[in-house]
PDB file of N, CA and C in Angstrom:
ATOM      1  N   UNK A   1       0.748  -1.318  -0.030  1.00  0.00           N
ATOM      2  CA  UNK A   1      -0.135   0.079   0.066  1.00  0.00           C
ATOM      3  C   UNK A   1       0.891   1.175   0.065  1.00  0.00           C
ATOM      4  N   UNK A   2       0.463   2.149  -0.738  1.00  0.00           N
ATOM      5  CA  UNK A   2       1.258   3.504  -0.847  1.00  0.00           C
ATOM      6  C   UNK A   2       1.002   4.307   0.328  1.00  0.00           C
ATOM      7  N   UNK A   3       2.039   5.047   0.892  1.00  0.00           N
ATOM      8  CA  UNK A   3       2.100   5.908   1.924  1.00  0.00           C
ATOM      9  C   UNK A   3       1.483   7.258   1.456  1.00  0.00           C
ATOM     10  N   UNK A   4       0.608   7.841   2.155  1.00  0.00           N
ATOM     11  CA  UNK A   4       0.143   9.167   2.104  1.00  0.00           C
ATOM     12  C   UNK A   4       1.133  10.188   1.903  1.00  0.00           C
ATOM     13  N   UNK A   5       0.956  10.971   0.800  1.00  0.00           N
ATOM     14  CA  UNK A   5       2.045  12.241   0.580  1.00  0.00           C
ATOM     15  C   UNK A   5       1.491  13.609   0.251  1.00  0.00           C
ATOM     16  N   UNK A   6       0.007  13.489   0.734  1.00  0.00           N
ATOM     17  CA  UNK A   6      -0.864  14.712   0.457  1.00  0.00           C
ATOM     18  C   UNK A   6      -1.211  15.345   1.672  1.00  0.00           C
ATOM     19  N   UNK A   7      -0.777  16.689   2.079  1.00  0.00           N
ATOM     20  CA  UNK A   7      -1.167  17.441   3.468  1.00  0.00           C
ATOM     21  C   UNK A   7      -2.584  17.571   3.357  1.00  0.00           C
ATOM     22  N   UNK A   8      -3.204  17.873   4.516  1.00  0.00           N
ATOM     23  CA  UNK A   8      -4.529  18.556   4.756  1.00  0.00           C
ATOM     24  C   UNK A   8      -5.004  19.523   3.792  1.00  0.00           C
ATOM     25  N   UNK A   9      -4.158  20.543   3.849  1.00  0.00           N
ATOM     26  CA  UNK A   9      -4.624  21.737   3.001  1.00  0.00           C
ATOM     27  C   UNK A   9      -4.503  21.394   1.659  1.00  0.00           C
ATOM     28  N   UNK A  10      -3.521  20.635   1.043  1.00  0.00           N
ATOM     29  CA  UNK A  10      -3.349  20.191  -0.319  1.00  0.00           C
ATOM     30  C   UNK A  10      -4.543  19.301  -0.567  1.00  0.00           C
ATOM     31  N   UNK A  11      -5.266  18.569   0.241  1.00  0.00           N
ATOM     32  CA  UNK A  11      -6.210  17.687   0.054  1.00  0.00           C
ATOM     33  C   UNK A  11      -7.531  18.486  -0.017  1.00  0.00           C
ATOM     34  N   UNK A  12      -7.713  19.510   0.617  1.00  0.00           N
ATOM     35  CA  UNK A  12      -8.893  20.405   0.513  1.00  0.00           C
ATOM     36  C   UNK A  12      -8.840  21.071  -0.931  1.00  0.00           C
ATOM     37  N   UNK A  13      -7.769  21.570  -1.250  1.00  0.00           N
ATOM     38  CA  UNK A  13      -7.674  22.188  -2.355  1.00  0.00           C
ATOM     39  C   UNK A  13      -7.962  21.270  -3.642  1.00  0.00           C
ATOM     40  N   UNK A  14      -7.432  20.130  -3.598  1.00  0.00           N
ATOM     41  CA  UNK A  14      -7.585  19.064  -4.700  1.00  0.00           C
ATOM     42  C   UNK A  14      -9.186  18.622  -4.815  1.00  0.00           C
ATOM     43  N   UNK A  15      -9.707  18.587  -3.323  1.00  0.00           N
ATOM     44  CA  UNK A  15     -11.184  18.179  -3.456  1.00  0.00           C
ATOM     45  C   UNK A  15     -11.984  19.412  -4.036  1.00  0.00           C
ATOM     46  N   UNK A  16     -11.726  20.744  -3.732  1.00  0.00           N
ATOM     47  CA  UNK A  16     -12.380  21.664  -4.350  1.00  0.00           C
ATOM     48  C   UNK A  16     -12.217  21.825  -5.883  1.00  0.00           C
ATOM     49  N   UNK A  17     -10.898  21.669  -6.198  1.00  0.00           N
ATOM     50  CA  UNK A  17     -10.642  21.731  -7.828  1.00  0.00           C
ATOM     51  C   UNK A  17     -11.151  20.789  -8.629  1.00  0.00           C
ATOM     52  N   UNK A  18     -10.877  19.404  -7.821  1.00  0.00           N
ATOM     53  CA  UNK A  18     -11.636  18.276  -8.588  1.00  0.00           C
ATOM     54  C   UNK A  18     -13.135  18.292  -8.727  1.00  0.00           C
ATOM     55  N   UNK A  19     -13.861  18.762  -7.751  1.00  0.00           N
ATOM     56  CA  UNK A  19     -15.268  19.021  -7.869  1.00  0.00           C
ATOM     57  C   UNK A  19     -15.709  20.241  -8.863  1.00  0.00           C
ATOM     58  N   UNK A  20     -14.717  21.276  -8.964  1.00  0.00           N
ATOM     59  CA  UNK A  20     -15.122  22.254  -9.918  1.00  0.00           C
ATOM     60  C   UNK A  20     -14.703  21.536 -11.342  1.00  0.00           C
ATOM     61  N   UNK A  21     -13.764  21.062 -11.573  1.00  0.00           N
ATOM     62  CA  UNK A  21     -13.489  20.292 -12.993  1.00  0.00           C
ATOM     63  C   UNK A  21     -14.734  19.585 -13.366  1.00  0.00           C
ATOM     64  N   UNK A  22     -15.071  18.515 -12.551  1.00  0.00           N
ATOM     65  CA  UNK A  22     -16.069  17.785 -12.853  1.00  0.00           C
ATOM     66  C   UNK A  22     -17.598  18.415 -13.030  1.00  0.00           C
ATOM     67  N   UNK A  23     -17.903  19.458 -12.222  1.00  0.00           N
ATOM     68  CA  UNK A  23     -18.921  20.280 -12.553  1.00  0.00           C
ATOM     69  C   UNK A  23     -19.069  21.098 -13.858  1.00  0.00           C
ATOM     70  N   UNK A  24     -17.849  21.566 -13.980  1.00  0.00           N
ATOM     71  CA  UNK A  24     -17.698  22.344 -15.366  1.00  0.00           C
ATOM     72  C   UNK A  24     -17.787  21.146 -16.572  1.00  0.00           C
ATOM     73  N   UNK A  25     -17.363  20.034 -16.392  1.00  0.00           N
ATOM     74  CA  UNK A  25     -17.414  18.908 -17.430  1.00  0.00           C
ATOM     75  C   UNK A  25     -18.831  18.532 -17.667  1.00  0.00           C
ATOM     76  N   UNK A  26     -19.501  18.375 -16.407  1.00  0.00           N
ATOM     77  CA  UNK A  26     -20.998  18.035 -16.455  1.00  0.00           C
ATOM     78  C   UNK A  26     -21.656  18.992 -17.155  1.00  0.00           C
ATOM     79  N   UNK A  27     -21.412  20.306 -17.131  1.00  0.00           N
ATOM     80  CA  UNK A  27     -22.224  21.263 -17.592  1.00  0.00           C
ATOM     81  C   UNK A  27     -21.906  21.694 -19.132  1.00  0.00           C
ATOM     82  N   UNK A  28     -20.729  20.924 -19.765  1.00  0.00           N
ATOM     83  CA  UNK A  28     -20.396  21.103 -20.988  1.00  0.00           C
ATOM     84  C   UNK A  28     -19.504  22.102 -21.214  1.00  0.00           C
ATOM     85  N   UNK A  29     -18.807  22.809 -20.195  1.00  0.00           N
ATOM     86  CA  UNK A  29     -17.859  23.814 -20.322  1.00  0.00           C
ATOM     87  C   UNK A  29     -16.468  23.218 -20.703  1.00  0.00           C
ATOM     88  N   UNK A  30     -16.213  21.950 -20.182  1.00  0.00           N
ATOM     89  CA  UNK A  30     -14.819  21.378 -20.407  1.00  0.00           C
ATOM     90  C   UNK A  30     -15.316  20.008 -21.167  1.00  0.00           C
ATOM     91  N   UNK A  31     -14.298  19.472 -22.039  1.00  0.00           N
ATOM     92  CA  UNK A  31     -14.362  18.163 -22.476  1.00  0.00           C
ATOM     93  C   UNK A  31     -13.871  17.038 -21.571  1.00  0.00           C
ATOM     94  N   UNK A  32     -13.390  15.885 -22.407  1.00  0.00           N
ATOM     95  CA  UNK A  32     -12.967  14.731 -21.612  1.00  0.00           C
ATOM     96  C   UNK A  32     -11.791  15.016 -20.827  1.00  0.00           C
ATOM     97  N   UNK A  33     -11.033  15.844 -21.033  1.00  0.00           N
ATOM     98  CA  UNK A  33      -9.877  16.377 -20.033  1.00  0.00           C
ATOM     99  C   UNK A  33     -10.247  16.805 -18.977  1.00  0.00           C
ATOM    100  N   UNK A  34     -11.441  17.468 -18.860  1.00  0.00           N
ATOM    101  CA  UNK A  34     -11.920  18.031 -17.631  1.00  0.00           C
ATOM    102  C   UNK A  34     -12.350  16.838 -16.577  1.00  0.00           C
ATOM    103  N   UNK A  35     -13.087  15.732 -17.266  1.00  0.00           N
ATOM    104  CA  UNK A  35     -13.437  14.610 -16.503  1.00  0.00           C
ATOM    105  C   UNK A  35     -12.360  13.804 -16.015  1.00  0.00           C
ATOM    106  N   UNK A  36     -11.267  13.465 -17.032  1.00  0.00           N
ATOM    107  CA  UNK A  36     -10.218  12.835 -16.240  1.00  0.00           C
ATOM    108  C   UNK A  36      -9.409  13.589 -15.338  1.00  0.00           C
ATOM    109  N   UNK A  37      -9.018  14.864 -15.575  1.00  0.00           N
ATOM    110  CA  UNK A  37      -8.470  15.659 -14.535  1.00  0.00           C
ATOM    111  C   UNK A  37      -9.182  15.881 -13.324  1.00  0.00           C
ATOM    112  N   UNK A  38     -10.573  16.005 -13.373  1.00  0.00           N
ATOM    113  CA  UNK A  38     -11.341  16.283 -12.228  1.00  0.00           C
ATOM    114  C   UNK A  38     -11.421  14.922 -11.286  1.00  0.00           C
ATOM    115  N   UNK A  39     -11.588  13.714 -12.056  1.00  0.00           N
ATOM    116  CA  UNK A  39     -11.585  12.527 -11.427  1.00  0.00           C
ATOM    117  C   UNK A  39     -10.200  12.228 -10.708  1.00  0.00           C
ATOM    118  N   UNK A  40      -8.961  12.506 -11.274  1.00  0.00           N
ATOM    119  CA  UNK A  40      -7.810  12.218 -10.806  1.00  0.00           C
ATOM    120  C   UNK A  40      -7.540  13.100  -9.571  1.00  0.00           C
ATOM    121  N   UNK A  41      -7.801  14.359  -9.742  1.00  0.00           N
ATOM    122  CA  UNK A  41      -7.801  15.382  -8.782  1.00  0.00           C
ATOM    123  C   UNK A  41      -8.493  14.900  -7.424  1.00  0.00           C
ATOM    124  N   UNK A  42      -9.774  14.500  -7.779  1.00  0.00           N
ATOM    125  CA  UNK A  42     -10.764  14.196  -6.714  1.00  0.00           C
ATOM    126  C   UNK A  42     -10.180  13.103  -5.918  1.00  0.00           C
ATOM    127  N   UNK A  43      -9.623  12.181  -6.600  1.00  0.00           N
ATOM    128  CA  UNK A  43      -9.157  10.667  -6.003  1.00  0.00           C
ATOM    129  C   UNK A  43      -8.060  11.013  -5.172  1.00  0.00           C
ATOM    130  N   UNK A  44      -7.216  11.924  -5.700  1.00  0.00           N
ATOM    131  CA  UNK A  44      -5.740  12.133  -4.912  1.00  0.00           C
ATOM    132  C   UNK A  44      -6.232  12.988  -3.615  1.00  0.00           C
ATOM    133  N   UNK A  45      -7.275  13.763  -3.746  1.00  0.00           N
ATOM    134  CA  UNK A  45      -7.568  14.460  -2.555  1.00  0.00           C
ATOM    135  C   UNK A  45      -8.259  13.678  -1.689  1.00  0.00           C
ATOM    136  N   UNK A  46      -9.141  12.725  -2.029  1.00  0.00           N
ATOM    137  CA  UNK A  46      -9.808  11.813  -1.025  1.00  0.00           C
ATOM    138  C   UNK A  46      -8.892  10.946  -0.314  1.00  0.00           C
ATOM    139  N   UNK A  47      -8.041  10.153  -0.993  1.00  0.00           N
ATOM    140  CA  UNK A  47      -7.051   9.166  -0.741  1.00  0.00           C
ATOM    141  C   UNK A  47      -5.948   9.672   0.046  1.00  0.00           C
ATOM    142  N   UNK A  48      -5.386  10.967  -0.255  1.00  0.00           N
ATOM    143  CA  UNK A  48      -4.074  11.699   0.127  1.00  0.00           C
ATOM    144  C   UNK A  48      -2.860  11.031  -0.525  1.00  0.00           C
ATOM    145  N   UNK A  49      -2.989  10.444  -1.648  1.00  0.00           N
ATOM    146  CA  UNK A  49      -1.884   9.858  -2.248  1.00  0.00           C
ATOM    147  C   UNK A  49      -1.841  10.472  -3.766  1.00  0.00           C
ATOM    148  N   UNK A  50      -0.737  11.075  -4.003  1.00  0.00           N
ATOM    149  CA  UNK A  50      -0.463  11.680  -5.448  1.00  0.00           C
ATOM    150  C   UNK A  50       0.623  10.909  -6.203  1.00  0.00           C
ATOM    151  N   UNK A  51       0.279  10.315  -7.406  1.00  0.00           N
ATOM    152  CA  UNK A  51       1.343   9.575  -8.117  1.00  0.00           C
ATOM    153  C   UNK A  51       2.510  10.601  -8.782  1.00  0.00           C
ATOM    154  N   UNK A  52       2.121  11.794  -8.976  1.00  0.00           N
ATOM    155  CA  UNK A  52       3.069  12.631  -9.353  1.00  0.00           C
ATOM    156  C   UNK A  52       3.906  13.089  -8.309  1.00  0.00           C
ATOM    157  N   UNK A  53       3.436  13.183  -7.085  1.00  0.00           N
ATOM    158  CA  UNK A  53       4.407  13.702  -5.767  1.00  0.00           C
ATOM    159  C   UNK A  53       5.210  12.349  -5.570  1.00  0.00           C
ATOM    160  N   UNK A  54       4.924  11.258  -5.975  1.00  0.00           N
ATOM    161  CA  UNK A  54       5.439   9.811  -5.488  1.00  0.00           C
ATOM    162  C   UNK A  54       6.701   9.955  -6.546  1.00  0.00           C
ATOM    163  N   UNK A  55       6.425  10.256  -7.787  1.00  0.00           N
ATOM    164  CA  UNK A  55       7.601  10.109  -8.928  1.00  0.00           C
ATOM    165  C   UNK A  55       8.472  11.219  -8.584  1.00  0.00           C
ATOM    166  N   UNK A  56       8.051  12.358  -8.160  1.00  0.00           N
ATOM    167  CA  UNK A  56       9.016  13.620  -7.961  1.00  0.00           C
ATOM    168  C   UNK A  56       9.558  13.600  -6.450  1.00  0.00           C
ATOM    169  N   UNK A  57       9.255  12.603  -5.608  1.00  0.00           N
ATOM    170  CA  UNK A  57       9.685  12.726  -4.059  1.00  0.00           C
ATOM    171  C   UNK A  57       9.390  13.512  -3.320  1.00  0.00           C
ATOM    172  N   UNK A  58       8.054  14.219  -3.786  1.00  0.00           N
ATOM    173  CA  UNK A  58       7.380  15.366  -2.972  1.00  0.00           C
ATOM    174  C   UNK A  58       6.570  14.719  -2.033  1.00  0.00           C
ATOM    175  N   UNK A  59       6.381  15.471  -0.926  1.00  0.00           N
ATOM    176  CA  UNK A  59       5.589  15.000   0.335  1.00  0.00           C
ATOM    177  C   UNK A  59       4.985  16.514   1.157  1.00  0.00           C
ATOM    178  N   UNK A  60       3.745  16.683   0.792  1.00  0.00           N
ATOM    179  CA  UNK A  60       3.105  17.832   1.744  1.00  0.00           C
ATOM    180  C   UNK A  60       2.647  17.420   2.905  1.00  0.00           C
ATOM    181  N   UNK A  61       2.583  16.268   3.360  1.00  0.00           N
ATOM    182  CA  UNK A  61       2.100  15.737   4.504  1.00  0.00           C
ATOM    183  C   UNK A  61       3.125  15.680   5.732  1.00  0.00           C
ATOM    184  N   UNK A  62       2.557  16.338   6.734  1.00  0.00           N
ATOM    185  CA  UNK A  62       3.291  16.419   7.878  1.00  0.00           C
ATOM    186  C   UNK A  62       2.747  15.446   8.965  1.00  0.00           C
ATOM    187  N   UNK A  63       3.544  14.661   9.717  1.00  0.00           N
ATOM    188  CA  UNK A  63       2.966  13.802  10.491  1.00  0.00           C
ATOM    189  C   UNK A  63       3.342  14.063  11.917  1.00  0.00           C
ATOM    190  N   UNK A  64       2.637  13.764  12.877  1.00  0.00           N
ATOM    191  CA  UNK A  64       2.764  14.069  14.272  1.00  0.00           C
ATOM    192  C   UNK A  64       4.071  13.715  14.703  1.00  0.00           C
ATOM    193  N   UNK A  65       4.725  12.621  14.295  1.00  0.00           N
ATOM    194  CA  UNK A  65       5.984  12.194  14.808  1.00  0.00           C
ATOM    195  C   UNK A  65       7.137  13.208  14.401  1.00  0.00           C
ATOM    196  N   UNK A  66       7.019  13.755  13.105  1.00  0.00           N
ATOM    197  CA  UNK A  66       8.003  14.671  12.587  1.00  0.00           C
ATOM    198  C   UNK A  66       8.010  16.014  13.510  1.00  0.00           C
ATOM    199  N   UNK A  67       6.586  16.375  13.865  1.00  0.00           N
ATOM    200  CA  UNK A  67       6.519  17.549  14.643  1.00  0.00           C
ATOM    201  C   UNK A  67       6.983  17.521  15.958  1.00  0.00           C
ATOM    202  N   UNK A  68       7.009  16.350  16.477  1.00  0.00           N
ATOM    203  CA  UNK A  68       7.219  15.938  17.991  1.00  0.00           C
ATOM    204  C   UNK A  68       8.591  15.697  18.218  1.00  0.00           C
ATOM    205  N   UNK A  69       9.555  15.212  17.141  1.00  0.00           N
ATOM    206  CA  UNK A  69      10.785  14.858  17.382  1.00  0.00           C
ATOM    207  C   UNK A  69      11.615  16.084  17.710  1.00  0.00           C
ATOM    208  N   UNK A  70      12.724  15.975  18.879  1.00  0.00           N
ATOM    209  CA  UNK A  70      13.674  16.979  19.098  1.00  0.00           C
ATOM    210  C   UNK A  70      14.622  17.194  17.892  1.00  0.00           C
ATOM    211  N   UNK A  71      15.011  18.489  17.700  1.00  0.00           N
ATOM    212  CA  UNK A  71      15.747  18.828  16.584  1.00  0.00           C
ATOM    213  C   UNK A  71      17.248  18.976  17.171  1.00  0.00           C
ATOM    214  N   UNK A  72      18.286  18.408  16.639  1.00  0.00           N
ATOM    215  CA  UNK A  72      19.663  18.542  17.224  1.00  0.00           C
ATOM    216  C   UNK A  72      20.223  19.707  16.709  1.00  0.00           C
TER     217      UNK A  72
END
């Protein structure tokens, strides 16, 4: 199973953008690209996993352990 790499703020933005893209596609303002982009964005926001972030080694997720660890 993949590890979450999308933080809370990133997830909220992805959910809003995905919903907007799907709504615009449903009303005929966007074509098939809107459906695909909206679905992928909505899924990454829902599950907290982004394939592009994984490929690039990015992570916007902060864990409680990272915040609680003492710095040297």
